[in-house]
Amino acid sequence: MDVLKRMGFESPSWADLALLLIGSLSALALGGAVWAWWDRRRVDPWMRQMDHLRAALQDLGLASATHEAPRTLAQRLRERYGAPAETLVGLLDTLERQTLRAVRPVRGLIRR
């Protein structure tokens, strides 16, 4: 109650305290919801590139699932379109190498 008096309430009651708590919790909940929305919108750059390539493949009539590796998509492009698809195949191969580079353990850091 002393805190409420310092905040400007002349004669604070339990109802004032309850309103202050409800307002504080509502503000915290709103802040948490905004943070969750913002965090959900962040996308890994690698995934963003893959999504763009999947959209390009979809425009070419080659549907792809999200679980398919770039290597699989490159092979399907080679089989279906041959040499004209080499630009997209090169992009997919680059993405595959980026994935493998990120996962490969560095020698000397892992001891057996």
N, C-alpha and C. Protein backbone atom coordinates (compact mmCIF):
# COMPACT_ATOMS: atom_id res chain seq x y z
N MET A 1 0.83 -1.18 0.00
CA MET A 1 0.00 0.00 0.00
C MET A 1 0.88 1.26 0.00
N ASP A 2 2.06 1.16 0.62
CA ASP A 2 2.96 2.32 0.63
C ASP A 2 3.42 2.66 -0.79
N VAL A 3 3.63 1.63 -1.61
CA VAL A 3 4.04 1.86 -3.00
C VAL A 3 2.94 2.62 -3.74
N LEU A 4 1.69 2.24 -3.52
CA LEU A 4 0.58 2.95 -4.16
C LEU A 4 0.51 4.40 -3.70
N LYS A 5 0.79 4.64 -2.46
CA LYS A 5 0.78 6.03 -1.95
C LYS A 5 1.89 6.84 -2.64
N ARG A 6 3.06 6.22 -2.84
CA ARG A 6 4.15 6.92 -3.50
C ARG A 6 3.85 7.16 -4.98
N MET A 7 2.99 6.31 -5.55
CA MET A 7 2.61 6.47 -6.97
C MET A 7 1.56 7.55 -7.15
N GLY A 8 0.97 8.05 -6.10
CA GLY A 8 0.02 9.13 -6.22
C GLY A 8 -1.39 8.80 -5.76
N PHE A 9 -1.63 7.59 -5.35
CA PHE A 9 -2.94 7.24 -4.82
C PHE A 9 -3.05 7.83 -3.41
N GLU A 10 -4.10 8.63 -3.20
CA GLU A 10 -4.24 9.28 -1.89
C GLU A 10 -4.58 8.28 -0.79
N SER A 11 -5.59 7.48 -1.00
CA SER A 11 -5.95 6.47 -0.01
C SER A 11 -6.18 5.15 -0.76
N PRO A 12 -5.07 4.43 -1.01
CA PRO A 12 -5.17 3.20 -1.82
C PRO A 12 -6.01 2.13 -1.13
N SER A 13 -6.71 1.40 -1.99
CA SER A 13 -7.51 0.28 -1.48
C SER A 13 -7.05 -0.99 -2.19
N TRP A 14 -7.62 -2.10 -1.78
CA TRP A 14 -7.29 -3.37 -2.41
C TRP A 14 -7.72 -3.37 -3.87
N ALA A 15 -8.80 -2.66 -4.19
CA ALA A 15 -9.26 -2.56 -5.58
C ALA A 15 -8.22 -1.83 -6.43
N ASP A 16 -7.61 -0.77 -5.89
CA ASP A 16 -6.55 -0.05 -6.61
C ASP A 16 -5.35 -0.96 -6.85
N LEU A 17 -5.01 -1.73 -5.84
CA LEU A 17 -3.91 -2.67 -5.98
C LEU A 17 -4.21 -3.72 -7.05
N ALA A 18 -5.43 -4.22 -7.05
CA ALA A 18 -5.84 -5.22 -8.04
C ALA A 18 -5.78 -4.62 -9.45
N LEU A 19 -6.25 -3.39 -9.63
CA LEU A 19 -6.20 -2.74 -10.94
C LEU A 19 -4.76 -2.53 -11.41
N LEU A 20 -3.91 -2.15 -10.48
CA LEU A 20 -2.50 -1.97 -10.82
C LEU A 20 -1.87 -3.30 -11.25
N LEU A 21 -2.16 -4.36 -10.54
CA LEU A 21 -1.63 -5.68 -10.91
C LEU A 21 -2.16 -6.15 -12.25
N ILE A 22 -3.46 -5.95 -12.48
CA ILE A 22 -4.05 -6.37 -13.76
C ILE A 22 -3.43 -5.57 -14.91
N GLY A 23 -3.26 -4.27 -14.70
CA GLY A 23 -2.63 -3.45 -15.74
C GLY A 23 -1.20 -3.86 -16.02
N SER A 24 -0.45 -4.15 -14.96
CA SER A 24 0.95 -4.57 -15.13
C SER A 24 1.04 -5.91 -15.86
N LEU A 25 0.22 -6.86 -15.46
CA LEU A 25 0.23 -8.17 -16.11
C LEU A 25 -0.21 -8.08 -17.56
N SER A 26 -1.19 -7.22 -17.84
CA SER A 26 -1.64 -7.03 -19.23
C SER A 26 -0.53 -6.44 -20.08
N ALA A 27 0.19 -5.46 -19.54
CA ALA A 27 1.30 -4.86 -20.28
C ALA A 27 2.41 -5.88 -20.53
N LEU A 28 2.72 -6.70 -19.55
CA LEU A 28 3.73 -7.74 -19.73
C LEU A 28 3.29 -8.77 -20.76
N ALA A 29 2.02 -9.15 -20.73
CA ALA A 29 1.50 -10.12 -21.70
C ALA A 29 1.56 -9.55 -23.11
N LEU A 30 1.19 -8.28 -23.26
CA LEU A 30 1.25 -7.64 -24.57
C LEU A 30 2.69 -7.57 -25.06
N GLY A 31 3.61 -7.20 -24.18
CA GLY A 31 5.02 -7.17 -24.55
C GLY A 31 5.52 -8.55 -24.97
N GLY A 32 5.12 -9.59 -24.25
CA GLY A 32 5.51 -10.95 -24.62
C GLY A 32 4.93 -11.38 -25.95
N ALA A 33 3.70 -10.99 -26.23
CA ALA A 33 3.07 -11.34 -27.51
C ALA A 33 3.77 -10.64 -28.67
N VAL A 34 4.14 -9.37 -28.48
CA VAL A 34 4.85 -8.64 -29.53
C VAL A 34 6.21 -9.26 -29.76
N TRP A 35 6.92 -9.61 -28.69
CA TRP A 35 8.23 -10.25 -28.85
C TRP A 35 8.11 -11.59 -29.57
N ALA A 36 7.10 -12.40 -29.22
CA ALA A 36 6.91 -13.70 -29.87
C ALA A 36 6.60 -13.52 -31.36
N TRP A 37 5.79 -12.52 -31.70
CA TRP A 37 5.46 -12.26 -33.10
C TRP A 37 6.72 -11.86 -33.85
N TRP A 38 7.52 -10.95 -33.27
CA TRP A 38 8.73 -10.49 -33.92
C TRP A 38 9.72 -11.64 -34.09
N ASP A 39 9.88 -12.46 -33.07
CA ASP A 39 10.82 -13.57 -33.12
C ASP A 39 10.41 -14.61 -34.15
N ARG A 40 9.11 -14.81 -34.30
CA ARG A 40 8.61 -15.80 -35.26
C ARG A 40 8.86 -15.36 -36.70
N ARG A 41 8.91 -14.06 -36.92
CA ARG A 41 9.09 -13.53 -38.26
C ARG A 41 10.55 -13.60 -38.74
N ARG A 42 11.48 -13.80 -37.80
CA ARG A 42 12.87 -13.92 -38.21
C ARG A 42 13.05 -15.26 -38.91
N VAL A 43 13.77 -15.25 -40.00
CA VAL A 43 13.98 -16.47 -40.78
C VAL A 43 15.47 -16.62 -41.05
N ASP A 44 15.94 -17.82 -40.92
CA ASP A 44 17.33 -18.13 -41.22
C ASP A 44 17.62 -17.78 -42.69
N PRO A 45 18.73 -17.09 -42.98
CA PRO A 45 19.03 -16.71 -44.37
C PRO A 45 19.10 -17.91 -45.31
N TRP A 46 19.61 -19.03 -44.83
CA TRP A 46 19.68 -20.23 -45.66
C TRP A 46 18.27 -20.70 -46.04
N MET A 47 17.37 -20.69 -45.06
CA MET A 47 15.99 -21.10 -45.34
C MET A 47 15.31 -20.12 -46.29
N ARG A 48 15.62 -18.83 -46.16
CA ARG A 48 15.04 -17.83 -47.06
C ARG A 48 15.49 -18.11 -48.49
N GLN A 49 16.78 -18.42 -48.69
CA GLN A 49 17.29 -18.75 -50.02
C GLN A 49 16.60 -19.99 -50.57
N MET A 50 16.46 -21.00 -49.72
CA MET A 50 15.80 -22.23 -50.17
C MET A 50 14.35 -21.96 -50.56
N ASP A 51 13.67 -21.13 -49.80
CA ASP A 51 12.28 -20.80 -50.12
C ASP A 51 12.18 -20.10 -51.48
N HIS A 52 13.13 -19.19 -51.76
CA HIS A 52 13.13 -18.51 -53.06
C HIS A 52 13.38 -19.50 -54.19
N LEU A 53 14.32 -20.42 -53.97
CA LEU A 53 14.59 -21.42 -55.00
C LEU A 53 13.40 -22.37 -55.18
N ARG A 54 12.75 -22.73 -54.09
CA ARG A 54 11.56 -23.59 -54.21
C ARG A 54 10.46 -22.89 -55.00
N ALA A 55 10.31 -21.57 -54.79
CA ALA A 55 9.31 -20.81 -55.55
C ALA A 55 9.68 -20.79 -57.04
N ALA A 56 10.98 -20.64 -57.33
CA ALA A 56 11.42 -20.67 -58.73
C ALA A 56 11.17 -22.04 -59.35
N LEU A 57 11.43 -23.09 -58.59
CA LEU A 57 11.16 -24.44 -59.09
C LEU A 57 9.67 -24.66 -59.31
N GLN A 58 8.86 -24.12 -58.42
CA GLN A 58 7.41 -24.24 -58.56
C GLN A 58 6.96 -23.55 -59.85
N ASP A 59 7.56 -22.38 -60.16
CA ASP A 59 7.23 -21.67 -61.40
C ASP A 59 7.61 -22.49 -62.63
N LEU A 60 8.64 -23.31 -62.50
CA LEU A 60 9.06 -24.18 -63.60
C LEU A 60 8.23 -25.46 -63.69
N GLY A 61 7.36 -25.66 -62.72
CA GLY A 61 6.52 -26.85 -62.72
C GLY A 61 7.13 -28.02 -61.97
N LEU A 62 8.14 -27.76 -61.17
CA LEU A 62 8.78 -28.81 -60.40
C LEU A 62 8.46 -28.60 -58.92
N ALA A 63 7.47 -29.32 -58.44
CA ALA A 63 7.06 -29.17 -57.04
C ALA A 63 8.12 -29.81 -56.14
N SER A 64 8.30 -29.18 -54.98
CA SER A 64 9.28 -29.72 -54.03
C SER A 64 8.74 -29.60 -52.62
N ALA A 65 9.07 -30.59 -51.81
CA ALA A 65 8.66 -30.57 -50.40
C ALA A 65 9.75 -29.90 -49.58
N THR A 66 9.38 -29.40 -48.43
CA THR A 66 10.35 -28.69 -47.59
C THR A 66 11.44 -29.60 -47.04
N HIS A 67 11.18 -30.90 -46.98
CA HIS A 67 12.19 -31.81 -46.43
C HIS A 67 13.21 -32.26 -47.47
N GLU A 68 13.00 -31.93 -48.74
CA GLU A 68 13.92 -32.37 -49.78
C GLU A 68 15.22 -31.56 -49.73
N ALA A 69 16.32 -32.25 -49.80
CA ALA A 69 17.64 -31.61 -49.75
C ALA A 69 17.93 -30.92 -51.08
N PRO A 70 18.77 -29.90 -51.07
CA PRO A 70 19.14 -29.24 -52.33
C PRO A 70 19.74 -30.22 -53.34
N ARG A 71 20.50 -31.21 -52.87
CA ARG A 71 21.10 -32.20 -53.76
C ARG A 71 20.02 -32.99 -54.52
N THR A 72 18.95 -33.34 -53.83
CA THR A 72 17.84 -34.07 -54.46
C THR A 72 17.16 -33.20 -55.51
N LEU A 73 16.93 -31.94 -55.16
CA LEU A 73 16.29 -31.03 -56.11
C LEU A 73 17.18 -30.81 -57.34
N ALA A 74 18.49 -30.70 -57.13
CA ALA A 74 19.41 -30.52 -58.26
C ALA A 74 19.37 -31.73 -59.18
N GLN A 75 19.33 -32.92 -58.61
CA GLN A 75 19.26 -34.14 -59.43
C GLN A 75 17.96 -34.17 -60.24
N ARG A 76 16.86 -33.82 -59.60
CA ARG A 76 15.58 -33.79 -60.32
C ARG A 76 15.58 -32.77 -61.44
N LEU A 77 16.23 -31.61 -61.21
CA LEU A 77 16.34 -30.61 -62.27
C LEU A 77 17.16 -31.11 -63.44
N ARG A 78 18.29 -31.76 -63.14
CA ARG A 78 19.13 -32.31 -64.21
C ARG A 78 18.37 -33.34 -65.04
N GLU A 79 17.64 -34.22 -64.37
CA GLU A 79 16.90 -35.25 -65.08
C GLU A 79 15.80 -34.67 -65.96
N ARG A 80 15.14 -33.63 -65.47
CA ARG A 80 13.98 -33.10 -66.20
C ARG A 80 14.35 -32.08 -67.27
N TYR A 81 15.33 -31.19 -67.00
CA TYR A 81 15.61 -30.10 -67.92
C TYR A 81 17.00 -30.14 -68.54
N GLY A 82 17.90 -30.93 -68.00
CA GLY A 82 19.23 -31.06 -68.59
C GLY A 82 20.07 -29.81 -68.45
N ALA A 83 20.80 -29.47 -69.53
CA ALA A 83 21.76 -28.36 -69.52
C ALA A 83 21.13 -26.99 -69.24
N PRO A 84 19.93 -26.67 -69.73
CA PRO A 84 19.37 -25.34 -69.45
C PRO A 84 19.15 -25.06 -67.96
N ALA A 85 19.12 -26.08 -67.14
CA ALA A 85 18.86 -25.89 -65.72
C ALA A 85 20.14 -25.77 -64.89
N GLU A 86 21.29 -25.71 -65.54
CA GLU A 86 22.56 -25.73 -64.81
C GLU A 86 22.74 -24.53 -63.88
N THR A 87 22.14 -23.39 -64.20
CA THR A 87 22.26 -22.23 -63.31
C THR A 87 21.60 -22.51 -61.97
N LEU A 88 20.37 -23.03 -62.02
CA LEU A 88 19.67 -23.38 -60.78
C LEU A 88 20.35 -24.55 -60.08
N VAL A 89 20.86 -25.49 -60.85
CA VAL A 89 21.58 -26.61 -60.25
C VAL A 89 22.80 -26.11 -59.50
N GLY A 90 23.50 -25.13 -60.07
CA GLY A 90 24.67 -24.56 -59.39
C GLY A 90 24.28 -23.87 -58.09
N LEU A 91 23.17 -23.16 -58.09
CA LEU A 91 22.70 -22.53 -56.86
C LEU A 91 22.36 -23.57 -55.80
N LEU A 92 21.71 -24.63 -56.22
CA LEU A 92 21.35 -25.69 -55.27
C LEU A 92 22.60 -26.39 -54.73
N ASP A 93 23.59 -26.60 -55.60
CA ASP A 93 24.84 -27.21 -55.14
C ASP A 93 25.55 -26.30 -54.13
N THR A 94 25.53 -24.99 -54.36
CA THR A 94 26.13 -24.05 -53.42
C THR A 94 25.42 -24.10 -52.07
N LEU A 95 24.10 -24.15 -52.10
CA LEU A 95 23.35 -24.26 -50.85
C LEU A 95 23.66 -25.56 -50.12
N GLU A 96 23.84 -26.63 -50.86
CA GLU A 96 24.18 -27.91 -50.24
C GLU A 96 25.54 -27.82 -49.55
N ARG A 97 26.52 -27.20 -50.22
CA ARG A 97 27.85 -27.05 -49.62
C ARG A 97 27.78 -26.17 -48.37
N GLN A 98 26.97 -25.11 -48.40
CA GLN A 98 26.82 -24.25 -47.22
C GLN A 98 26.26 -25.04 -46.05
N THR A 99 25.31 -25.91 -46.31
CA THR A 99 24.71 -26.73 -45.26
C THR A 99 25.75 -27.67 -44.67
N LEU A 100 26.49 -28.34 -45.52
CA LEU A 100 27.48 -29.30 -45.06
C LEU A 100 28.62 -28.61 -44.32
N ARG A 101 28.99 -27.41 -44.74
CA ARG A 101 30.06 -26.67 -44.07
C ARG A 101 29.64 -26.29 -42.66
N ALA A 102 28.37 -25.97 -42.48
CA ALA A 102 27.89 -25.55 -41.15
C ALA A 102 27.83 -26.72 -40.18
N VAL A 103 27.66 -27.93 -40.68
CA VAL A 103 27.47 -29.09 -39.82
C VAL A 103 28.78 -29.83 -39.55
N ARG A 104 29.73 -29.73 -40.46
CA ARG A 104 30.98 -30.49 -40.37
C ARG A 104 31.77 -30.09 -39.13
N PRO A 105 32.20 -31.04 -38.30
CA PRO A 105 33.00 -30.69 -37.12
C PRO A 105 34.40 -30.22 -37.53
N VAL A 106 34.96 -29.34 -36.76
CA VAL A 106 36.29 -28.83 -37.02
C VAL A 106 37.29 -29.82 -36.41
N ARG A 107 38.29 -30.20 -37.20
CA ARG A 107 39.28 -31.16 -36.72
C ARG A 107 40.10 -30.54 -35.61
N GLY A 108 40.39 -31.31 -34.62
CA GLY A 108 41.21 -30.85 -33.50
C GLY A 108 40.38 -30.36 -32.32
N LEU A 109 39.15 -29.98 -32.59
CA LEU A 109 38.31 -29.52 -31.49
C LEU A 109 37.60 -30.69 -30.78
N ILE A 110 37.39 -31.75 -31.52
CA ILE A 110 36.72 -32.92 -30.96
C ILE A 110 37.76 -34.01 -30.73
N ARG A 111 37.94 -34.37 -29.50
CA ARG A 111 38.92 -35.41 -29.16
C ARG A 111 38.21 -36.72 -28.89
N ARG A 112 38.84 -37.76 -29.29
CA ARG A 112 38.23 -39.09 -29.09
C ARG A 112 38.87 -39.79 -27.94
